[in-house]
């Protein structure tokens, strides 16, 4: 960040800036004033406005109905998944309001003003907050006529019970993505973005409170793993090769060698995978955490568990996030309702890779190959098993941990497990039958790292131009290290 620059030779300016930085002068406008005291009422607060009092608020036109007999215009207003009825008496309206009322289209953004004439609540949480007699109407942004009708119901009054309850049934993801702007205007879809933001906020809160620092890693890289064709290539200067990153692990490891001992990054990663499934995305946001291991590799597992439990618990308990989960459940009934079956030490159920394979065969009755990774169906079966009450390993839970994956199923630089070099100090956290997070201890001794690179099939040349900076960071004496990544 650039240093703060003051106006040269202006002593008054310098003094004012210093006082502001020292908080001796309060800001002219507080954050609360900027966000709340703008003279507008939130549609969600109309139910608290005294009947007969004037309310001015912004909303979208959900539907318009012109009454032929009275020449009145009835509108259903929408904001954040809540609704209000509005009526405009054209014979009493001023010219601007009357003209705007005649040209209203669905999805237009408007500002309305008028007395609240009734408080109402219908359809449970799909609430009509109030009825307003509109005496001022201004179109802020007019929507084009004939927009595609929302594929997912807003669950608005008047949609009909069948449409309100239909949710996502029969609607393809492609159809929704083809109409993405209108789709995200559905409050339940918008809430997913806000919950995702909440996950980010809580992760940063937890990690920064434990001495971690954000350390950004590059998205454009000049190295790749031999034999891995899932990189997006990017033309670079002077005919050089470059690729979009798949992970920040390499640079985070180098940062640990620079004695930045507790670090994380939240960044986009890219994978050129043609598969179309919930497990394959060409671009997604990843949280990657790395730190110096002081005593034992299980420090990594403890930190990962505690971070995820903190995030889930606070999403469920803090009102800021609970309200968004309530909205999300209109379309996704199971949203946020995680069962955390913890043992007496407050930990998730932990089983080894070998134990998980045995459970699949002996408890679930599935044929499985101990030399192969878990298939999607096997992860789902394990998730269903531990979500029940009969596992015998602890309370019913939607999250559990599988540890000590075999070396041949993990990258070359995963640290071998003590007493069993065919396994690694690694784990996956399974959430509702699907991998949600991977944790690991990494090889840090440069001689062992070099041997692991050369033993890989196909091998990685530690002396190549693209890998020398990485290897040199470990030759400088890298500390024991590990971390986790989640998407």
Protein backbone atom coordinates (compact mmCIF):
# COMPACT_ATOMS: atom_id res chain seq x y z
CA UNK A 1 0.00 0.00 0.00
CA UNK A 2 1.33 3.45 -0.90
CA UNK A 3 2.23 5.77 1.98
CA UNK A 4 -0.24 8.47 2.90
CA UNK A 5 0.57 11.62 0.92
CA UNK A 6 -0.34 15.07 2.21
CA UNK A 7 -0.51 18.36 0.38
CA UNK A 8 2.99 19.80 0.32
CA UNK A 9 3.44 22.91 2.41
CA UNK A 10 -0.14 22.97 3.72
CA UNK A 11 0.29 22.84 7.50
CA UNK A 12 -3.44 23.16 8.16
CA UNK A 13 -4.12 20.22 5.86
CA UNK A 14 -1.42 18.12 7.54
CA UNK A 15 -2.80 18.93 11.00
CA UNK A 16 -6.36 18.08 9.96
CA UNK A 17 -5.30 14.77 8.45
CA UNK A 18 -3.25 13.84 11.53
CA UNK A 19 -6.17 14.68 13.81
CA UNK A 20 -8.53 12.57 11.71
CA UNK A 21 -6.09 9.66 11.76
CA UNK A 22 -5.76 10.04 15.53
CA UNK A 23 -9.59 10.01 15.70
CA UNK A 24 -9.59 13.42 17.34
CA UNK A 25 -12.09 14.63 14.76
CA UNK A 26 -15.18 12.50 14.19
CA UNK A 27 -16.07 11.72 10.56
CA UNK A 28 -18.56 14.19 9.14
CA UNK A 29 -20.98 11.37 8.30
CA UNK A 30 -21.12 8.14 10.27
CA UNK A 31 -21.52 4.77 8.64
CA UNK A 32 -24.95 4.52 10.26
CA UNK A 33 -25.99 7.80 8.68
CA UNK A 34 -24.76 6.72 5.28
CA UNK A 35 -26.61 3.40 5.36
CA UNK A 36 -29.73 4.10 7.38
CA UNK A 37 -30.49 7.80 7.67
CA UNK A 38 -31.05 8.45 3.97
CA UNK A 39 -34.66 9.48 4.45
CA UNK A 40 -35.95 6.20 3.07
CA UNK A 41 -37.78 3.42 4.85
CA UNK A 42 -36.90 -0.18 4.14
CA UNK A 43 -39.82 -2.17 2.73
CA UNK A 44 -39.13 -4.73 5.44
CA UNK A 45 -39.83 -2.05 8.07
CA UNK A 46 -43.23 -0.92 6.74
CA UNK A 47 -44.97 -3.09 9.30
CA UNK A 48 -43.49 -0.87 12.02
CA UNK A 49 -44.67 2.41 10.50
CA UNK A 50 -47.61 3.98 12.35
CA UNK A 51 -50.77 3.75 10.27
CA UNK A 52 -51.39 7.00 8.42
CA UNK A 53 -47.76 8.06 8.51
CA UNK A 54 -45.91 8.68 5.26
CA UNK A 55 -43.30 6.15 4.15
CA UNK A 56 -40.90 6.60 1.25
CA UNK A 57 -39.10 3.54 -0.04
CA UNK A 58 -37.55 1.90 -3.10
CA UNK A 59 -38.79 -1.38 -4.51
CA UNK A 60 -39.25 -3.35 -7.69
CA UNK A 61 -42.58 -3.68 -9.43
CA UNK A 62 -43.54 -7.33 -9.11
CA UNK A 63 -46.88 -6.99 -10.87
CA UNK A 64 -49.24 -4.26 -12.11
CA UNK A 65 -53.02 -4.31 -12.30
CA UNK A 66 -55.13 -1.48 -13.70
CA UNK A 67 -58.70 -1.44 -12.38
CA UNK A 68 -60.99 -0.43 -15.25
CA UNK A 69 -63.96 0.50 -13.08
CA UNK A 70 -62.14 2.92 -10.81
CA UNK A 71 -59.19 3.84 -13.02
CA UNK A 72 -56.91 2.94 -10.13
CA UNK A 73 -53.56 1.18 -10.49
CA UNK A 74 -52.73 -1.63 -8.09
CA UNK A 75 -49.11 -2.71 -7.77
CA UNK A 76 -47.33 -5.44 -5.88
CA UNK A 77 -43.97 -4.12 -4.70
CA UNK A 78 -41.02 -6.37 -3.90
CA UNK A 79 -37.74 -5.99 -2.07
CA UNK A 80 -35.53 -8.66 -0.55
CA UNK A 81 -38.19 -11.37 -0.77
CA UNK A 82 -40.83 -9.28 1.00
CA UNK A 83 -43.86 -7.62 -0.56
CA UNK A 84 -46.16 -4.64 -0.09
CA UNK A 85 -49.41 -3.72 -1.80
CA UNK A 86 -49.64 -0.27 -3.32
CA UNK A 87 -52.60 1.58 -4.81
CA UNK A 88 -52.54 4.72 -6.95
CA UNK A 89 -55.69 6.79 -7.36
CA UNK A 90 -55.07 8.35 -10.76
CA UNK A 91 -57.70 11.07 -10.37
CA UNK A 92 -55.87 12.40 -7.32
CA UNK A 93 -52.31 11.85 -8.58
CA UNK A 94 -50.02 14.60 -9.84
CA UNK A 95 -48.97 14.53 -13.49
CA UNK A 96 -45.57 12.87 -12.88
CA UNK A 97 -47.10 10.10 -10.77
CA UNK A 98 -49.96 9.50 -13.21
CA UNK A 99 -47.60 9.33 -16.18
CA UNK A 100 -45.31 6.92 -14.34
CA UNK A 101 -48.25 4.75 -13.28
CA UNK A 102 -49.41 4.37 -16.89
CA UNK A 103 -45.95 3.19 -18.04
CA UNK A 104 -45.10 0.75 -15.25
CA UNK A 105 -43.57 -2.57 -16.24
CA UNK A 106 -42.71 -5.59 -14.13
CA UNK A 107 -39.19 -5.50 -12.63
CA UNK A 108 -38.92 -1.70 -12.91
CA UNK A 109 -37.19 -0.06 -9.96
CA UNK A 110 -39.34 2.67 -8.41
CA UNK A 111 -39.47 5.06 -5.49
CA UNK A 112 -42.88 5.40 -3.89
CA UNK A 113 -44.22 7.61 -1.15
CA UNK A 114 -47.50 7.58 0.68
CA UNK A 115 -49.32 6.77 3.92
CA UNK A 116 -49.28 3.24 5.26
CA UNK A 117 -52.96 2.25 5.43
CA UNK A 118 -52.76 -1.33 6.69
CA UNK A 119 -50.38 -3.84 8.22
CA UNK A 120 -50.71 -7.33 6.84
CA UNK A 121 -48.97 -10.66 7.02
CA UNK A 122 -49.83 -13.66 4.89
CA UNK A 123 -48.26 -16.89 3.71
CA UNK A 124 -46.05 -17.29 6.76
CA UNK A 125 -42.58 -15.93 6.19
CA UNK A 126 -43.49 -14.83 2.64
CA UNK A 127 -44.86 -11.69 4.18
CA UNK A 128 -46.94 -8.82 2.96
CA UNK A 129 -45.64 -6.16 5.29
CA UNK A 130 -48.15 -3.40 4.57
CA UNK A 131 -50.49 -1.67 2.17
CA UNK A 132 -49.56 1.81 1.01
CA UNK A 133 -51.68 4.48 -0.66
CA UNK A 134 -49.18 5.85 -3.16
CA UNK A 135 -49.32 9.59 -3.76
CA UNK A 136 -45.85 9.95 -5.24
CA UNK A 137 -44.30 7.56 -7.74
CA UNK A 138 -40.99 7.92 -9.54
CA UNK A 139 -39.46 5.40 -11.93
CA UNK A 140 -35.78 5.10 -11.06
CA UNK A 141 -35.04 2.55 -13.77
CA UNK A 142 -37.62 1.20 -16.21
CA UNK A 143 -37.49 -2.47 -17.17
CA UNK A 144 -38.16 -3.47 -20.75
CA UNK A 145 -41.56 -4.98 -21.47
CA UNK A 146 -41.73 -8.70 -22.06
CA UNK A 147 -38.82 -9.80 -19.89
CA UNK A 148 -38.53 -13.53 -19.37
CA UNK A 149 -40.79 -14.55 -16.53
CA UNK A 150 -38.80 -15.60 -13.50
CA UNK A 151 -38.12 -19.32 -13.71
CA UNK A 152 -38.01 -19.67 -9.95
CA UNK A 153 -41.01 -18.36 -8.06
CA UNK A 154 -40.61 -15.36 -5.78
CA UNK A 155 -43.43 -17.02 -3.78
CA UNK A 156 -45.40 -13.83 -4.14
CA UNK A 157 -49.07 -13.52 -3.17
CA UNK A 158 -51.13 -14.05 -6.27
CA UNK A 159 -48.67 -16.49 -7.85
CA UNK A 160 -50.95 -19.34 -6.82
CA UNK A 161 -50.13 -21.96 -4.20
CA UNK A 162 -48.83 -24.43 -6.79
CA UNK A 163 -46.27 -21.96 -8.11
CA UNK A 164 -45.32 -20.81 -4.61
CA UNK A 165 -44.63 -24.36 -3.48
CA UNK A 166 -43.03 -25.64 -6.69
CA UNK A 167 -39.58 -24.28 -5.85
CA UNK A 168 -36.95 -25.65 -8.22
CA UNK A 169 -38.86 -28.70 -9.45
CA UNK A 170 -38.30 -29.27 -13.15
CA UNK A 171 -36.11 -26.20 -13.64
CA UNK A 172 -32.70 -26.85 -15.16
CA UNK A 173 -29.57 -25.07 -14.05
CA UNK A 174 -28.92 -23.99 -17.64
CA UNK A 175 -32.31 -22.27 -17.81
CA UNK A 176 -31.57 -20.41 -14.61
CA UNK A 177 -28.09 -19.39 -15.73
CA UNK A 178 -29.47 -18.16 -19.06
CA UNK A 179 -31.65 -15.75 -17.06
CA UNK A 180 -29.17 -15.18 -14.24
CA UNK A 181 -29.96 -11.56 -13.37
CA UNK A 182 -33.66 -12.27 -12.91
CA UNK A 183 -32.82 -15.53 -11.17
CA UNK A 184 -30.64 -13.81 -8.57
CA UNK A 185 -33.41 -11.29 -7.90
CA UNK A 186 -35.24 -14.18 -6.26
CA UNK A 187 -34.41 -13.62 -2.60
CA UNK A 188 -33.62 -17.29 -1.93
CA UNK A 189 -30.98 -17.25 -4.65
CA UNK A 190 -29.55 -13.89 -3.58
CA UNK A 191 -29.26 -15.22 -0.03
CA UNK A 192 -26.77 -17.84 -1.25
CA UNK A 193 -24.39 -15.04 -2.25
CA UNK A 194 -24.82 -13.42 1.17
CA UNK A 195 -24.25 -16.69 3.01
CA UNK A 196 -21.12 -17.26 0.92
CA UNK A 197 -19.95 -13.81 1.99
CA UNK A 198 -20.71 -14.81 5.58
CA UNK A 199 -18.51 -17.89 5.28
CA UNK A 200 -15.68 -15.65 4.09
CA UNK A 201 -16.27 -13.13 6.89
CA UNK A 202 -16.33 -15.81 9.59
CA UNK A 203 -13.26 -17.62 8.25
CA UNK A 204 -11.25 -14.40 8.24
CA UNK A 205 -12.54 -13.51 11.71
CA UNK A 206 -11.52 -16.87 13.13
CA UNK A 207 -8.13 -17.07 11.45
CA UNK A 208 -7.09 -13.46 12.07
CA UNK A 209 -8.03 -13.92 15.73
CA UNK A 210 -5.49 -16.74 15.89
CA UNK A 211 -2.56 -14.89 14.41
CA UNK A 212 -3.07 -15.67 10.73
CA UNK A 213 -2.35 -13.09 8.07
CA UNK A 214 -3.77 -12.83 4.57
CA UNK A 215 -0.98 -13.51 2.10
CA UNK A 216 -2.13 -13.22 -1.53
CA UNK A 217 -0.83 -15.74 -4.04
CA UNK A 218 -0.67 -15.24 -7.82
CA UNK A 219 -3.32 -16.46 -10.24
CA UNK A 220 -0.87 -16.35 -13.16
CA UNK A 221 1.94 -18.89 -12.76
CA UNK A 222 4.94 -20.16 -14.75
CA UNK A 223 5.02 -23.77 -13.52
CA UNK A 224 2.83 -26.83 -13.93
CA UNK A 225 2.76 -30.43 -12.76
CA UNK A 226 3.97 -32.85 -15.46
CA UNK A 227 1.20 -35.08 -16.76
CA UNK A 228 -1.56 -32.79 -15.51
CA UNK A 229 -3.45 -31.41 -18.49
CA UNK A 230 -6.09 -29.54 -16.47
CA UNK A 231 -4.36 -26.14 -16.72
CA UNK A 232 -5.66 -23.17 -18.68
CA UNK A 233 -2.74 -21.82 -20.73
CA UNK A 234 -2.28 -18.07 -21.17
CA UNK A 235 -0.09 -16.39 -23.83
CA UNK A 236 2.69 -14.49 -22.08
CA UNK A 237 5.35 -11.98 -23.09
CA UNK A 238 8.35 -12.98 -25.22
CA UNK A 239 6.70 -16.26 -26.18
CA UNK A 240 6.90 -17.65 -22.65
CA UNK A 241 4.35 -20.09 -21.24
CA UNK A 242 2.02 -19.19 -18.39
CA UNK A 243 -0.98 -20.85 -16.80
CA UNK A 244 -3.87 -20.03 -14.48
CA UNK A 245 -3.26 -21.43 -11.02
CA UNK A 246 -4.93 -24.52 -9.60
CA UNK A 247 -3.78 -23.86 -6.04
CA UNK A 248 -1.83 -21.37 -3.95
CA UNK A 249 -0.01 -24.20 -2.15
CA UNK A 250 3.37 -23.65 -3.83
CA UNK A 251 3.58 -19.96 -2.95
CA UNK A 252 2.13 -20.43 0.54
CA UNK A 253 4.83 -23.03 1.22
CA UNK A 254 7.50 -20.62 0.03
CA UNK A 255 6.02 -17.93 2.30
CA UNK A 256 6.30 -20.28 5.28
CA UNK A 257 9.98 -20.75 4.47
CA UNK A 258 10.25 -16.96 4.64
CA UNK A 259 9.03 -17.31 8.27
CA UNK A 260 5.53 -15.97 7.65
CA UNK A 261 4.37 -18.62 10.06
CA UNK A 262 0.54 -18.44 9.93
CA UNK A 263 -0.99 -17.41 6.60
CA UNK A 264 -4.05 -17.85 4.41
CA UNK A 265 -5.41 -16.80 1.05
CA UNK A 266 -8.91 -16.60 -0.42
CA UNK A 267 -8.55 -16.62 -4.18
CA UNK A 268 -9.91 -17.98 -7.47
CA UNK A 269 -8.47 -21.19 -8.86
CA UNK A 270 -8.95 -22.63 -12.33
CA UNK A 271 -9.18 -26.19 -13.61
CA UNK A 272 -9.72 -27.15 -17.22
CA UNK A 273 -12.05 -30.03 -16.49
CA UNK A 274 -14.80 -30.89 -18.95
CA UNK A 275 -16.80 -32.89 -16.40
CA UNK A 276 -20.23 -31.49 -15.57
CA UNK A 277 -20.95 -32.32 -11.94
CA UNK A 278 -21.08 -30.77 -8.48
CA UNK A 279 -17.47 -31.94 -7.98
CA UNK A 280 -16.00 -30.26 -11.06
CA UNK A 281 -15.83 -26.52 -11.69
CA UNK A 282 -13.55 -24.67 -14.08
CA UNK A 283 -13.34 -21.74 -11.67
CA UNK A 284 -14.12 -21.47 -7.98
CA UNK A 285 -13.04 -19.60 -4.87
CA UNK A 286 -10.72 -21.48 -2.55
CA UNK A 287 -9.73 -20.83 1.05
CA UNK A 288 -6.20 -22.10 1.61
CA UNK A 289 -4.55 -22.02 5.02
CA UNK A 290 -0.91 -22.84 5.80
CA UNK A 291 1.12 -22.67 8.98
CA UNK A 292 4.23 -23.96 10.70
CA UNK A 293 3.62 -27.21 12.60
CA UNK A 294 5.14 -26.98 16.07
CA UNK A 295 4.65 -30.43 17.58
CA UNK A 296 2.40 -32.86 15.72
CA UNK A 297 0.58 -33.07 12.40
CA UNK A 298 -2.77 -33.31 14.20
CA UNK A 299 -2.42 -29.58 14.89
CA UNK A 300 -3.58 -29.23 11.28
CA UNK A 301 -6.64 -31.39 11.86
CA UNK A 302 -7.51 -29.54 15.07
CA UNK A 303 -7.29 -26.13 13.39
CA UNK A 304 -9.30 -27.26 10.37
CA UNK A 305 -12.06 -28.75 12.50
CA UNK A 306 -12.28 -25.74 14.78
CA UNK A 307 -12.41 -23.33 11.82
CA UNK A 308 -15.23 -25.20 10.11
CA UNK A 309 -17.17 -25.69 13.35
CA UNK A 310 -16.82 -21.97 14.14
CA UNK A 311 -18.16 -21.04 10.70
CA UNK A 312 -21.12 -23.43 10.82
CA UNK A 313 -22.05 -22.59 14.42
CA UNK A 314 -22.04 -18.86 13.80
CA UNK A 315 -23.94 -19.14 10.52
CA UNK A 316 -26.64 -20.88 12.53
CA UNK A 317 -26.56 -18.61 15.57
CA UNK A 318 -25.84 -15.04 14.49
CA UNK A 319 -28.98 -13.21 13.42
CA UNK A 320 -27.21 -11.61 10.45
CA UNK A 321 -26.74 -15.05 8.91
CA UNK A 322 -29.75 -16.84 10.38
CA UNK A 323 -32.08 -14.48 8.52
CA UNK A 324 -30.36 -15.30 5.22
CA UNK A 325 -30.57 -19.02 5.95
CA UNK A 326 -34.31 -18.63 6.58
CA UNK A 327 -34.71 -17.03 3.17
CA UNK A 328 -32.54 -19.67 1.48
CA UNK A 329 -34.68 -22.46 2.94
CA UNK A 330 -37.63 -21.33 0.84
CA UNK A 331 -35.93 -23.04 -2.11
CA UNK A 332 -33.36 -25.18 -0.29
CA UNK A 333 -35.11 -26.63 2.80
CA UNK A 334 -31.95 -28.21 4.23
CA UNK A 335 -29.82 -25.05 3.96
CA UNK A 336 -27.71 -24.47 7.05
CA UNK A 337 -29.27 -27.24 9.11
CA UNK A 338 -26.07 -29.15 9.84
CA UNK A 339 -25.96 -31.70 12.62
CA UNK A 340 -22.59 -31.61 14.32
CA UNK A 341 -22.18 -34.92 16.11
CA UNK A 342 -19.24 -34.19 18.40
CA UNK A 343 -17.55 -36.56 20.84
CA UNK A 344 -16.79 -35.87 24.49
CA UNK A 345 -13.73 -33.85 23.45
CA UNK A 346 -15.81 -31.69 21.13
CA UNK A 347 -14.35 -33.29 18.01
CA UNK A 348 -15.94 -34.68 14.87
CA UNK A 349 -15.98 -38.44 14.28
CA UNK A 350 -12.60 -39.48 12.87
CA UNK A 351 -11.93 -42.69 10.96
CA UNK A 352 -8.96 -43.78 8.88
CA UNK A 353 -9.13 -44.50 5.16
CA UNK A 354 -8.83 -48.23 5.90
CA UNK A 355 -11.63 -48.06 8.49
CA UNK A 356 -13.88 -46.23 6.03
CA UNK A 357 -13.32 -48.96 3.44
CA UNK A 358 -14.15 -51.61 6.05
CA UNK A 359 -17.37 -49.80 7.00
CA UNK A 360 -18.39 -49.68 3.35
CA UNK A 361 -17.99 -53.45 3.07
CA UNK A 362 -19.13 -54.69 6.48
CA UNK A 363 -21.69 -52.12 7.62
CA UNK A 364 -23.08 -50.70 4.40
CA UNK A 365 -22.70 -53.76 2.19
CA UNK A 366 -20.87 -52.16 -0.73
CA UNK A 367 -18.03 -53.69 -2.71
CA UNK A 368 -15.03 -51.38 -2.67
CA UNK A 369 -11.38 -51.51 -3.72
CA UNK A 370 -8.90 -50.53 -0.99
CA UNK A 371 -6.47 -49.28 -3.63
CA UNK A 372 -8.97 -46.86 -5.16
CA UNK A 373 -10.18 -43.50 -3.87
CA UNK A 374 -13.78 -43.15 -2.76
CA UNK A 375 -16.30 -42.76 -5.53
CA UNK A 376 -19.06 -40.17 -5.32
CA UNK A 377 -21.48 -42.97 -4.44
CA UNK A 378 -19.21 -44.30 -1.68
CA UNK A 379 -18.80 -40.87 -0.10
CA UNK A 380 -22.58 -40.41 -0.23
CA UNK A 381 -23.11 -43.84 1.36
CA UNK A 382 -20.71 -43.00 4.19
CA UNK A 383 -22.45 -39.66 4.66
CA UNK A 384 -25.82 -41.38 4.96
CA UNK A 385 -24.36 -43.94 7.39
CA UNK A 386 -22.95 -41.35 9.79
CA UNK A 387 -26.08 -39.21 9.53
CA UNK A 388 -27.96 -42.09 11.16
CA UNK A 389 -27.97 -43.12 14.80
CA UNK A 390 -26.45 -46.58 14.40
CA UNK A 391 -22.80 -45.93 13.52
CA UNK A 392 -21.69 -46.72 17.06
CA UNK A 393 -18.89 -44.17 16.70
CA UNK A 394 -20.73 -41.12 17.98
CA UNK A 395 -23.89 -39.03 17.60
CA UNK A 396 -25.57 -38.63 14.22
CA UNK A 397 -23.60 -36.09 12.21
CA UNK A 398 -23.52 -34.44 8.81
CA UNK A 399 -19.74 -33.97 9.07
CA UNK A 400 -17.00 -36.48 9.76
CA UNK A 401 -13.29 -36.91 9.02
CA UNK A 402 -11.41 -39.55 7.03
CA UNK A 403 -7.67 -39.58 7.77
CA UNK A 404 -4.48 -41.24 6.47
CA UNK A 405 -5.15 -41.51 2.76
CA UNK A 406 -2.71 -43.80 0.88
CA UNK A 407 0.35 -42.17 -0.66
CA UNK A 408 -0.54 -43.33 -4.16
CA UNK A 409 -3.83 -41.39 -3.91
CA UNK A 410 -2.23 -38.15 -2.74
CA UNK A 411 0.25 -35.70 -4.34
CA UNK A 412 3.97 -36.43 -4.21
CA UNK A 413 4.78 -33.97 -1.40
CA UNK A 414 2.36 -35.23 1.26
CA UNK A 415 4.16 -36.29 4.43
CA UNK A 416 4.23 -40.07 5.08
CA UNK A 417 2.43 -41.28 8.19
CA UNK A 418 4.50 -42.42 11.16
CA UNK A 419 4.63 -46.22 11.33
CA UNK A 420 2.99 -46.68 7.93
CA UNK A 421 4.79 -45.07 5.02
CA UNK A 422 2.12 -46.34 2.63
CA UNK A 423 -0.23 -43.74 4.19
CA UNK A 424 -0.02 -39.96 4.53
CA UNK A 425 -0.66 -37.39 7.22
CA UNK A 426 -3.74 -36.14 5.44
CA UNK A 427 -7.51 -36.04 5.78
CA UNK A 428 -10.75 -35.08 4.12
CA UNK A 429 -13.73 -33.61 5.92
CA UNK A 430 -16.89 -35.09 4.44
CA UNK A 431 -19.98 -32.87 4.58
CA UNK A 432 -23.33 -34.45 3.74
CA UNK A 433 -21.66 -37.19 1.80
CA UNK A 434 -19.30 -35.02 -0.21
CA UNK A 435 -15.70 -33.93 0.26
CA UNK A 436 -15.68 -30.35 1.53
CA UNK A 437 -12.15 -29.83 2.77
CA UNK A 438 -8.71 -31.44 2.47
CA UNK A 439 -5.95 -31.09 5.04
CA UNK A 440 -2.34 -32.25 4.94
CA UNK A 441 1.17 -32.12 6.29
CA UNK A 442 3.76 -31.40 3.61
CA UNK A 443 7.32 -32.67 3.23
CA UNK A 444 9.61 -29.82 4.31
CA UNK A 445 13.15 -31.29 4.27
CA UNK A 446 14.68 -30.35 0.92
CA UNK A 447 16.45 -33.68 0.34
CA UNK A 448 13.22 -35.63 0.93
CA UNK A 449 11.27 -33.19 -1.22
CA UNK A 450 13.76 -33.62 -4.03
CA UNK A 451 13.51 -37.42 -3.82
CA UNK A 452 9.71 -37.23 -3.84
CA UNK A 453 9.71 -35.02 -6.92
CA UNK A 454 12.00 -37.38 -8.82
CA UNK A 455 10.08 -40.48 -7.68
CA UNK A 456 6.80 -39.13 -8.96
CA UNK A 457 5.33 -40.64 -12.14
CA UNK A 458 5.95 -38.71 -14.31
CA UNK A 459 8.79 -37.08 -12.37
CA UNK A 460 9.18 -33.38 -11.60
CA UNK A 461 12.63 -32.02 -12.39
CA UNK A 462 13.68 -30.05 -9.28
CA UNK A 463 16.44 -28.34 -11.29
CA UNK A 464 14.17 -27.07 -14.07
CA UNK A 465 13.71 -23.32 -14.45
CA UNK A 466 10.07 -23.49 -13.45
CA UNK A 467 10.69 -25.44 -10.23
CA UNK A 468 14.02 -24.03 -9.00
CA UNK A 469 12.48 -21.10 -7.05
CA UNK A 470 10.23 -23.54 -5.18
CA UNK A 471 13.04 -25.97 -4.38
CA UNK A 472 15.41 -23.16 -3.35
CA UNK A 473 12.86 -21.98 -0.79
CA UNK A 474 13.08 -25.39 0.88
CA UNK A 475 16.86 -25.58 0.52
CA UNK A 476 16.94 -22.43 2.66
CA UNK A 477 15.63 -24.51 5.58
CA UNK A 478 11.83 -24.70 5.45
CA UNK A 479 10.00 -25.40 8.73
CA UNK A 480 7.58 -28.32 9.29
CA UNK A 481 4.35 -27.22 7.66
CA UNK A 482 0.84 -28.07 6.63
CA UNK A 483 -2.61 -26.66 6.21
CA UNK A 484 -5.95 -27.16 4.53
CA UNK A 485 -7.94 -26.05 1.55
CA UNK A 486 -11.68 -25.70 1.11
CA UNK A 487 -13.91 -24.58 -1.72
